[in-house]
Amino acid sequence: MPQLLTIGACEAKTHLADLMPQVRSGQEFTITQRGEPVADLLPAGSGVRQAGRAAALKMRRFMADVQTRAPCDIKALIEEGRD
């Protein structure tokens, strides 16, 4: 697995064309602004993105399969909780 490198936002902007081949080959970068991480530059279809999509799909399937016990009146539940 490639090492995650840190690069400042200004440097990333200035050298983006040079970074792209590195990213395509698997290198990952964390882009910082004033020393704080703000974004990750990852290859398209990377494990992080795939894991996110898989989690979303799993949640959608779960929500589609779950059967509610009875119709739920959210407003009534809120009022009930105010007692």
PDB file of N, CA and C in Angstrom:
ATOM      1  N   MET A   1       0.849  -1.182   0.000  1.00  0.00           N
ATOM      2  CA  MET A   1       0.000   0.000   0.000  1.00  0.00           C
ATOM      3  C   MET A   1       0.887   1.236   0.000  1.00  0.00           C
ATOM      4  N   PRO A   2       0.614   2.205  -0.860  1.00  0.00           N
ATOM      5  CA  PRO A   2       1.454   3.394  -0.917  1.00  0.00           C
ATOM      6  C   PRO A   2       1.340   4.228   0.349  1.00  0.00           C
ATOM      7  N   GLN A   3       2.406   4.929   0.644  1.00  0.00           N
ATOM      8  CA  GLN A   3       2.423   5.829   1.792  1.00  0.00           C
ATOM      9  C   GLN A   3       1.572   7.047   1.481  1.00  0.00           C
ATOM     10  N   LEU A   4       0.790   7.500   2.466  1.00  0.00           N
ATOM     11  CA  LEU A   4      -0.029   8.708   2.297  1.00  0.00           C
ATOM     12  C   LEU A   4       0.867   9.913   2.548  1.00  0.00           C
ATOM     13  N   LEU A   5       1.079  10.719   1.522  1.00  0.00           N
ATOM     14  CA  LEU A   5       1.925  11.897   1.630  1.00  0.00           C
ATOM     15  C   LEU A   5       1.081  13.132   1.891  1.00  0.00           C
ATOM     16  N   THR A   6       1.656  14.126   2.577  1.00  0.00           N
ATOM     17  CA  THR A   6       0.973  15.374   2.875  1.00  0.00           C
ATOM     18  C   THR A   6       1.531  16.470   1.979  1.00  0.00           C
ATOM     19  N   ILE A   7       0.641  17.296   1.453  1.00  0.00           N
ATOM     20  CA  ILE A   7       1.040  18.383   0.567  1.00  0.00           C
ATOM     21  C   ILE A   7       0.138  19.578   0.849  1.00  0.00           C
ATOM     22  N   GLY A   8       0.710  20.773   0.845  1.00  0.00           N
ATOM     23  CA  GLY A   8      -0.060  21.990   1.075  1.00  0.00           C
ATOM     24  C   GLY A   8      -0.959  22.294  -0.113  1.00  0.00           C
ATOM     25  N   ALA A   9      -2.061  22.991   0.139  1.00  0.00           N
ATOM     26  CA  ALA A   9      -3.029  23.303  -0.910  1.00  0.00           C
ATOM     27  C   ALA A   9      -2.404  24.117  -2.037  1.00  0.00           C
ATOM     28  N   CYS A  10      -1.591  25.098  -1.699  1.00  0.00           N
ATOM     29  CA  CYS A  10      -0.959  25.931  -2.726  1.00  0.00           C
ATOM     30  C   CYS A  10      -0.024  25.092  -3.597  1.00  0.00           C
ATOM     31  N   GLU A  11       0.770  24.248  -2.959  1.00  0.00           N
ATOM     32  CA  GLU A  11       1.682  23.382  -3.705  1.00  0.00           C
ATOM     33  C   GLU A  11       0.898  22.387  -4.568  1.00  0.00           C
ATOM     34  N   ALA A  12      -0.202  21.840  -4.030  1.00  0.00           N
ATOM     35  CA  ALA A  12      -1.023  20.908  -4.804  1.00  0.00           C
ATOM     36  C   ALA A  12      -1.596  21.591  -6.034  1.00  0.00           C
ATOM     37  N   LYS A  13      -2.062  22.817  -5.858  1.00  0.00           N
ATOM     38  CA  LYS A  13      -2.623  23.574  -6.984  1.00  0.00           C
ATOM     39  C   LYS A  13      -1.551  23.837  -8.041  1.00  0.00           C
ATOM     40  N   THR A  14      -0.382  24.252  -7.591  1.00  0.00           N
ATOM     41  CA  THR A  14       0.703  24.587  -8.508  1.00  0.00           C
ATOM     42  C   THR A  14       1.218  23.368  -9.265  1.00  0.00           C
ATOM     43  N   HIS A  15       1.231  22.205  -8.603  1.00  0.00           N
ATOM     44  CA  HIS A  15       1.839  21.008  -9.184  1.00  0.00           C
ATOM     45  C   HIS A  15       0.823  19.913  -9.503  1.00  0.00           C
ATOM     46  N   LEU A  16      -0.445  20.277  -9.650  1.00  0.00           N
ATOM     47  CA  LEU A  16      -1.481  19.267  -9.871  1.00  0.00           C
ATOM     48  C   LEU A  16      -1.177  18.374 -11.079  1.00  0.00           C
ATOM     49  N   ALA A  17      -0.736  18.961 -12.168  1.00  0.00           N
ATOM     50  CA  ALA A  17      -0.430  18.165 -13.362  1.00  0.00           C
ATOM     51  C   ALA A  17       0.661  17.138 -13.079  1.00  0.00           C
ATOM     52  N   ASP A  18       1.617  17.487 -12.215  1.00  0.00           N
ATOM     53  CA  ASP A  18       2.688  16.553 -11.855  1.00  0.00           C
ATOM     54  C   ASP A  18       2.206  15.481 -10.878  1.00  0.00           C
ATOM     55  N   LEU A  19       1.200  15.804 -10.084  1.00  0.00           N
ATOM     56  CA  LEU A  19       0.676  14.853  -9.095  1.00  0.00           C
ATOM     57  C   LEU A  19      -0.192  13.772  -9.743  1.00  0.00           C
ATOM     58  N   MET A  20      -0.890  14.131 -10.809  1.00  0.00           N
ATOM     59  CA  MET A  20      -1.853  13.217 -11.417  1.00  0.00           C
ATOM     60  C   MET A  20      -1.244  11.864 -11.820  1.00  0.00           C
ATOM     61  N   PRO A  21      -0.097  11.815 -12.494  1.00  0.00           N
ATOM     62  CA  PRO A  21       0.475  10.502 -12.822  1.00  0.00           C
ATOM     63  C   PRO A  21       0.824   9.687 -11.578  1.00  0.00           C
ATOM     64  N   GLN A  22       1.260  10.380 -10.525  1.00  0.00           N
ATOM     65  CA  GLN A  22       1.577   9.676  -9.278  1.00  0.00           C
ATOM     66  C   GLN A  22       0.309   9.070  -8.674  1.00  0.00           C
ATOM     67  N   VAL A  23      -0.767   9.849  -8.683  1.00  0.00           N
ATOM     68  CA  VAL A  23      -2.040   9.364  -8.141  1.00  0.00           C
ATOM     69  C   VAL A  23      -2.546   8.201  -8.980  1.00  0.00           C
ATOM     70  N   ARG A  24      -2.448   8.337 -10.299  1.00  0.00           N
ATOM     71  CA  ARG A  24      -2.889   7.259 -11.194  1.00  0.00           C
ATOM     72  C   ARG A  24      -2.151   5.952 -10.887  1.00  0.00           C
ATOM     73  N   SER A  25      -0.874   6.060 -10.494  1.00  0.00           N
ATOM     74  CA  SER A  25      -0.088   4.861 -10.197  1.00  0.00           C
ATOM     75  C   SER A  25      -0.308   4.359  -8.773  1.00  0.00           C
ATOM     76  N   GLY A  26      -1.175   5.047  -8.003  1.00  0.00           N
ATOM     77  CA  GLY A  26      -1.529   4.542  -6.678  1.00  0.00           C
ATOM     78  C   GLY A  26      -1.111   5.409  -5.511  1.00  0.00           C
ATOM     79  N   GLN A  27      -0.317   6.443  -5.758  1.00  0.00           N
ATOM     80  CA  GLN A  27       0.109   7.327  -4.665  1.00  0.00           C
ATOM     81  C   GLN A  27      -1.090   8.122  -4.143  1.00  0.00           C
ATOM     82  N   GLU A  28      -1.152   8.306  -2.839  1.00  0.00           N
ATOM     83  CA  GLU A  28      -2.224   9.063  -2.210  1.00  0.00           C
ATOM     84  C   GLU A  28      -1.639  10.276  -1.496  1.00  0.00           C
ATOM     85  N   PHE A  29      -2.381  11.373  -1.524  1.00  0.00           N
ATOM     86  CA  PHE A  29      -1.940  12.610  -0.883  1.00  0.00           C
ATOM     87  C   PHE A  29      -3.043  13.143   0.023  1.00  0.00           C
ATOM     88  N   THR A  30      -2.643  13.681   1.169  1.00  0.00           N
ATOM     89  CA  THR A  30      -3.544  14.469   2.001  1.00  0.00           C
ATOM     90  C   THR A  30      -3.196  15.919   1.743  1.00  0.00           C
ATOM     91  N   ILE A  31      -4.177  16.699   1.345  1.00  0.00           N
ATOM     92  CA  ILE A  31      -3.972  18.117   1.067  1.00  0.00           C
ATOM     93  C   ILE A  31      -4.333  18.907   2.320  1.00  0.00           C
ATOM     94  N   THR A  32      -3.422  19.778   2.721  1.00  0.00           N
ATOM     95  CA  THR A  32      -3.625  20.564   3.933  1.00  0.00           C
ATOM     96  C   THR A  32      -3.770  22.039   3.597  1.00  0.00           C
ATOM     97  N   GLN A  33      -4.412  22.739   4.503  1.00  0.00           N
ATOM     98  CA  GLN A  33      -4.525  24.191   4.409  1.00  0.00           C
ATOM     99  C   GLN A  33      -4.192  24.736   5.784  1.00  0.00           C
ATOM    100  N   ARG A  34      -3.127  25.516   5.838  1.00  0.00           N
ATOM    101  CA  ARG A  34      -2.618  26.045   7.119  1.00  0.00           C
ATOM    102  C   ARG A  34      -2.335  24.911   8.103  1.00  0.00           C
ATOM    103  N   GLY A  35      -1.813  23.817   7.566  1.00  0.00           N
ATOM    104  CA  GLY A  35      -1.419  22.684   8.400  1.00  0.00           C
ATOM    105  C   GLY A  35      -2.536  21.730   8.773  1.00  0.00           C
ATOM    106  N   GLU A  36      -3.770  22.047   8.437  1.00  0.00           N
ATOM    107  CA  GLU A  36      -4.911  21.190   8.765  1.00  0.00           C
ATOM    108  C   GLU A  36      -5.309  20.369   7.549  1.00  0.00           C
ATOM    109  N   PRO A  37      -5.482  19.061   7.695  1.00  0.00           N
ATOM    110  CA  PRO A  37      -5.926  18.237   6.567  1.00  0.00           C
ATOM    111  C   PRO A  37      -7.321  18.660   6.113  1.00  0.00           C
ATOM    112  N   VAL A  38      -7.505  18.847   4.791  1.00  0.00           N
ATOM    113  CA  VAL A  38      -8.812  19.241   4.268  1.00  0.00           C
ATOM    114  C   VAL A  38      -9.330  18.298   3.196  1.00  0.00           C
ATOM    115  N   ALA A  39      -8.449  17.529   2.558  1.00  0.00           N
ATOM    116  CA  ALA A  39      -8.897  16.644   1.490  1.00  0.00           C
ATOM    117  C   ALA A  39      -7.858  15.558   1.259  1.00  0.00           C
ATOM    118  N   ASP A  40      -8.322  14.461   0.688  1.00  0.00           N
ATOM    119  CA  ASP A  40      -7.428  13.394   0.259  1.00  0.00           C
ATOM    120  C   ASP A  40      -7.518  13.279  -1.247  1.00  0.00           C
ATOM    121  N   LEU A  41      -6.368  13.179  -1.884  1.00  0.00           N
ATOM    122  CA  LEU A  41      -6.293  12.984  -3.328  1.00  0.00           C
ATOM    123  C   LEU A  41      -5.952  11.521  -3.536  1.00  0.00           C
ATOM    124  N   LEU A  42      -6.931  10.754  -4.019  1.00  0.00           N
ATOM    125  CA  LEU A  42      -6.805   9.301  -4.142  1.00  0.00           C
ATOM    126  C   LEU A  42      -7.079   8.866  -5.568  1.00  0.00           C
ATOM    127  N   PRO A  43      -6.568   7.699  -5.949  1.00  0.00           N
ATOM    128  CA  PRO A  43      -6.905   7.167  -7.269  1.00  0.00           C
ATOM    129  C   PRO A  43      -8.407   6.898  -7.356  1.00  0.00           C
ATOM    130  N   ALA A  44      -8.970   7.133  -8.527  1.00  0.00           N
ATOM    131  CA  ALA A  44     -10.394   6.848  -8.745  1.00  0.00           C
ATOM    132  C   ALA A  44     -10.656   5.375  -8.443  1.00  0.00           C
ATOM    133  N   GLY A  45     -11.769   5.107  -7.764  1.00  0.00           N
ATOM    134  CA  GLY A  45     -12.123   3.727  -7.439  1.00  0.00           C
ATOM    135  C   GLY A  45     -11.284   3.142  -6.327  1.00  0.00           C
ATOM    136  N   SER A  46     -10.645   4.000  -5.531  1.00  0.00           N
ATOM    137  CA  SER A  46      -9.791   3.505  -4.453  1.00  0.00           C
ATOM    138  C   SER A  46     -10.625   2.787  -3.398  1.00  0.00           C
ATOM    139  N   GLY A  47      -9.964   2.082  -2.526  1.00  0.00           N
ATOM    140  CA  GLY A  47     -10.633   1.309  -1.486  1.00  0.00           C
ATOM    141  C   GLY A  47     -11.541   2.141  -0.608  1.00  0.00           C
ATOM    142  N   VAL A  48     -11.151   3.366  -0.305  1.00  0.00           N
ATOM    143  CA  VAL A  48     -11.969   4.232   0.551  1.00  0.00           C
ATOM    144  C   VAL A  48     -13.299   4.510  -0.129  1.00  0.00           C
ATOM    145  N   ARG A  49     -13.244   4.872  -1.399  1.00  0.00           N
ATOM    146  CA  ARG A  49     -14.472   5.176  -2.133  1.00  0.00           C
ATOM    147  C   ARG A  49     -15.324   3.908  -2.267  1.00  0.00           C
ATOM    148  N   GLN A  50     -14.699   2.784  -2.584  1.00  0.00           N
ATOM    149  CA  GLN A  50     -15.448   1.538  -2.729  1.00  0.00           C
ATOM    150  C   GLN A  50     -16.087   1.128  -1.415  1.00  0.00           C
ATOM    151  N   ALA A  51     -15.376   1.317  -0.312  1.00  0.00           N
ATOM    152  CA  ALA A  51     -15.929   0.970   1.000  1.00  0.00           C
ATOM    153  C   ALA A  51     -17.139   1.841   1.314  1.00  0.00           C
ATOM    154  N   GLY A  52     -17.071   3.122   0.966  1.00  0.00           N
ATOM    155  CA  GLY A  52     -18.207   4.015   1.191  1.00  0.00           C
ATOM    156  C   GLY A  52     -19.421   3.598   0.386  1.00  0.00           C
ATOM    157  N   ARG A  53     -19.190   3.268  -0.871  1.00  0.00           N
ATOM    158  CA  ARG A  53     -20.304   2.815  -1.717  1.00  0.00           C
ATOM    159  C   ARG A  53     -20.899   1.520  -1.194  1.00  0.00           C
ATOM    160  N   ALA A  54     -20.043   0.597  -0.758  1.00  0.00           N
ATOM    161  CA  ALA A  54     -20.530  -0.675  -0.222  1.00  0.00           C
ATOM    162  C   ALA A  54     -21.354  -0.453   1.041  1.00  0.00           C
ATOM    163  N   ALA A  55     -20.911   0.450   1.902  1.00  0.00           N
ATOM    164  CA  ALA A  55     -21.651   0.743   3.135  1.00  0.00           C
ATOM    165  C   ALA A  55     -23.008   1.357   2.814  1.00  0.00           C
ATOM    166  N   ALA A  56     -23.045   2.278   1.849  1.00  0.00           N
ATOM    167  CA  ALA A  56     -24.314   2.903   1.462  1.00  0.00           C
ATOM    168  C   ALA A  56     -25.268   1.867   0.884  1.00  0.00           C
ATOM    169  N   LEU A  57     -24.758   0.983   0.044  1.00  0.00           N
ATOM    170  CA  LEU A  57     -25.592  -0.065  -0.540  1.00  0.00           C
ATOM    171  C   LEU A  57     -26.126  -1.000   0.544  1.00  0.00           C
ATOM    172  N   LYS A  58     -25.266  -1.357   1.485  1.00  0.00           N
ATOM    173  CA  LYS A  58     -25.682  -2.226   2.593  1.00  0.00           C
ATOM    174  C   LYS A  58     -26.795  -1.557   3.411  1.00  0.00           C
ATOM    175  N   MET A  59     -26.654  -0.251   3.663  1.00  0.00           N
ATOM    176  CA  MET A  59     -27.671   0.474   4.424  1.00  0.00           C
ATOM    177  C   MET A  59     -28.984   0.543   3.649  1.00  0.00           C
ATOM    178  N   ARG A  60     -28.914   0.795   2.341  1.00  0.00           N
ATOM    179  CA  ARG A  60     -30.139   0.836   1.536  1.00  0.00           C
ATOM    180  C   ARG A  60     -30.853  -0.517   1.558  1.00  0.00           C
ATOM    181  N   ARG A  61     -30.090  -1.595   1.430  1.00  0.00           N
ATOM    182  CA  ARG A  61     -30.696  -2.936   1.473  1.00  0.00           C
ATOM    183  C   ARG A  61     -31.322  -3.202   2.829  1.00  0.00           C
ATOM    184  N   PHE A  62     -30.629  -2.817   3.893  1.00  0.00           N
ATOM    185  CA  PHE A  62     -31.156  -3.001   5.239  1.00  0.00           C
ATOM    186  C   PHE A  62     -32.465  -2.247   5.405  1.00  0.00           C
ATOM    187  N   MET A  63     -32.476  -0.983   4.980  1.00  0.00           N
ATOM    188  CA  MET A  63     -33.673  -0.162   5.135  1.00  0.00           C
ATOM    189  C   MET A  63     -34.833  -0.712   4.308  1.00  0.00           C
ATOM    190  N   ALA A  64     -34.548  -1.284   3.148  1.00  0.00           N
ATOM    191  CA  ALA A  64     -35.601  -1.852   2.308  1.00  0.00           C
ATOM    192  C   ALA A  64     -36.162  -3.134   2.920  1.00  0.00           C
ATOM    193  N   ASP A  65     -35.319  -3.876   3.632  1.00  0.00           N
ATOM    194  CA  ASP A  65     -35.741  -5.159   4.200  1.00  0.00           C
ATOM    195  C   ASP A  65     -36.435  -5.033   5.557  1.00  0.00           C
ATOM    196  N   VAL A  66     -36.166  -3.955   6.270  1.00  0.00           N
ATOM    197  CA  VAL A  66     -36.732  -3.794   7.608  1.00  0.00           C
ATOM    198  C   VAL A  66     -38.215  -3.477   7.493  1.00  0.00           C
ATOM    199  N   GLN A  67     -38.988  -4.199   8.258  1.00  0.00           N
ATOM    200  CA  GLN A  67     -40.421  -3.945   8.278  1.00  0.00           C
ATOM    201  C   GLN A  67     -40.745  -3.186   9.560  1.00  0.00           C
ATOM    202  N   THR A  68     -41.489  -2.114   9.437  1.00  0.00           N
ATOM    203  CA  THR A  68     -41.872  -1.375  10.637  1.00  0.00           C
ATOM    204  C   THR A  68     -42.962  -2.155  11.363  1.00  0.00           C
ATOM    205  N   ARG A  69     -43.012  -2.009  12.665  1.00  0.00           N
ATOM    206  CA  ARG A  69     -43.993  -2.725  13.475  1.00  0.00           C
ATOM    207  C   ARG A  69     -45.390  -2.161  13.243  1.00  0.00           C
ATOM    208  N   ALA A  70     -45.469  -0.878  13.143  1.00  0.00           N
ATOM    209  CA  ALA A  70     -46.756  -0.224  12.924  1.00  0.00           C
ATOM    210  C   ALA A  70     -46.473   1.151  12.351  1.00  0.00           C
ATOM    211  N   PRO A  71     -47.458   1.739  11.708  1.00  0.00           N
ATOM    212  CA  PRO A  71     -47.246   3.104  11.233  1.00  0.00           C
ATOM    213  C   PRO A  71     -46.846   4.002  12.407  1.00  0.00           C
ATOM    214  N   CYS A  72     -45.955   4.908  12.150  1.00  0.00           N
ATOM    215  CA  CYS A  72     -45.400   5.728  13.215  1.00  0.00           C
ATOM    216  C   CYS A  72     -45.734   7.194  12.965  1.00  0.00           C
ATOM    217  N   ASP A  73     -46.298   7.848  13.983  1.00  0.00           N
ATOM    218  CA  ASP A  73     -46.609   9.266  13.905  1.00  0.00           C
ATOM    219  C   ASP A  73     -45.523  10.028  14.655  1.00  0.00           C
ATOM    220  N   ILE A  74     -44.560  10.572  13.912  1.00  0.00           N
ATOM    221  CA  ILE A  74     -43.416  11.245  14.508  1.00  0.00           C
ATOM    222  C   ILE A  74     -43.850  12.395  15.418  1.00  0.00           C
ATOM    223  N   LYS A  75     -44.824  13.163  14.978  1.00  0.00           N
ATOM    224  CA  LYS A  75     -45.297  14.300  15.773  1.00  0.00           C
ATOM    225  C   LYS A  75     -45.836  13.830  17.121  1.00  0.00           C
ATOM    226  N   ALA A  76     -46.582  12.737  17.117  1.00  0.00           N
ATOM    227  CA  ALA A  76     -47.132  12.200  18.363  1.00  0.00           C
ATOM    228  C   ALA A  76     -46.006  11.723  19.290  1.00  0.00           C
ATOM    229  N   LEU A  77     -44.993  11.111  18.726  1.00  0.00           N
ATOM    230  CA  LEU A  77     -43.866  10.653  19.545  1.00  0.00           C
ATOM    231  C   LEU A  77     -43.133  11.838  20.178  1.00  0.00           C
ATOM    232  N   ILE A  78     -42.967  12.904  19.416  1.00  0.00           N
ATOM    233  CA  ILE A  78     -42.302  14.084  19.951  1.00  0.00           C
ATOM    234  C   ILE A  78     -43.117  14.663  21.104  1.00  0.00           C
ATOM    235  N   GLU A  79     -44.431  14.792  20.892  1.00  0.00           N
ATOM    236  CA  GLU A  79     -45.296  15.326  21.948  1.00  0.00           C
ATOM    237  C   GLU A  79     -45.281  14.424  23.174  1.00  0.00           C
ATOM    238  N   GLU A  80     -45.263  13.121  22.967  1.00  0.00           N
ATOM    239  CA  GLU A  80     -45.228  12.169  24.072  1.00  0.00           C
ATOM    240  C   GLU A  80     -43.959  12.325  24.899  1.00  0.00           C
ATOM    241  N   GLY A  81     -42.863  12.626  24.225  1.00  0.00           N
ATOM    242  CA  GLY A  81     -41.588  12.794  24.919  1.00  0.00           C
ATOM    243  C   GLY A  81     -41.490  14.071  25.703  1.00  0.00           C
ATOM    244  N   ARG A  82     -42.409  14.989  25.524  1.00  0.00           N
ATOM    245  CA  ARG A  82     -42.372  16.271  26.225  1.00  0.00           C
ATOM    246  C   ARG A  82     -43.037  16.212  27.592  1.00  0.00           C
ATOM    247  N   ASP A  83     -43.641  15.107  27.932  1.00  0.00           N
ATOM    248  CA  ASP A  83     -44.318  14.989  29.238  1.00  0.00           C
ATOM    249  C   ASP A  83     -43.356  14.994  30.386  1.00  0.00           C
TER     250      ASP A  83
END
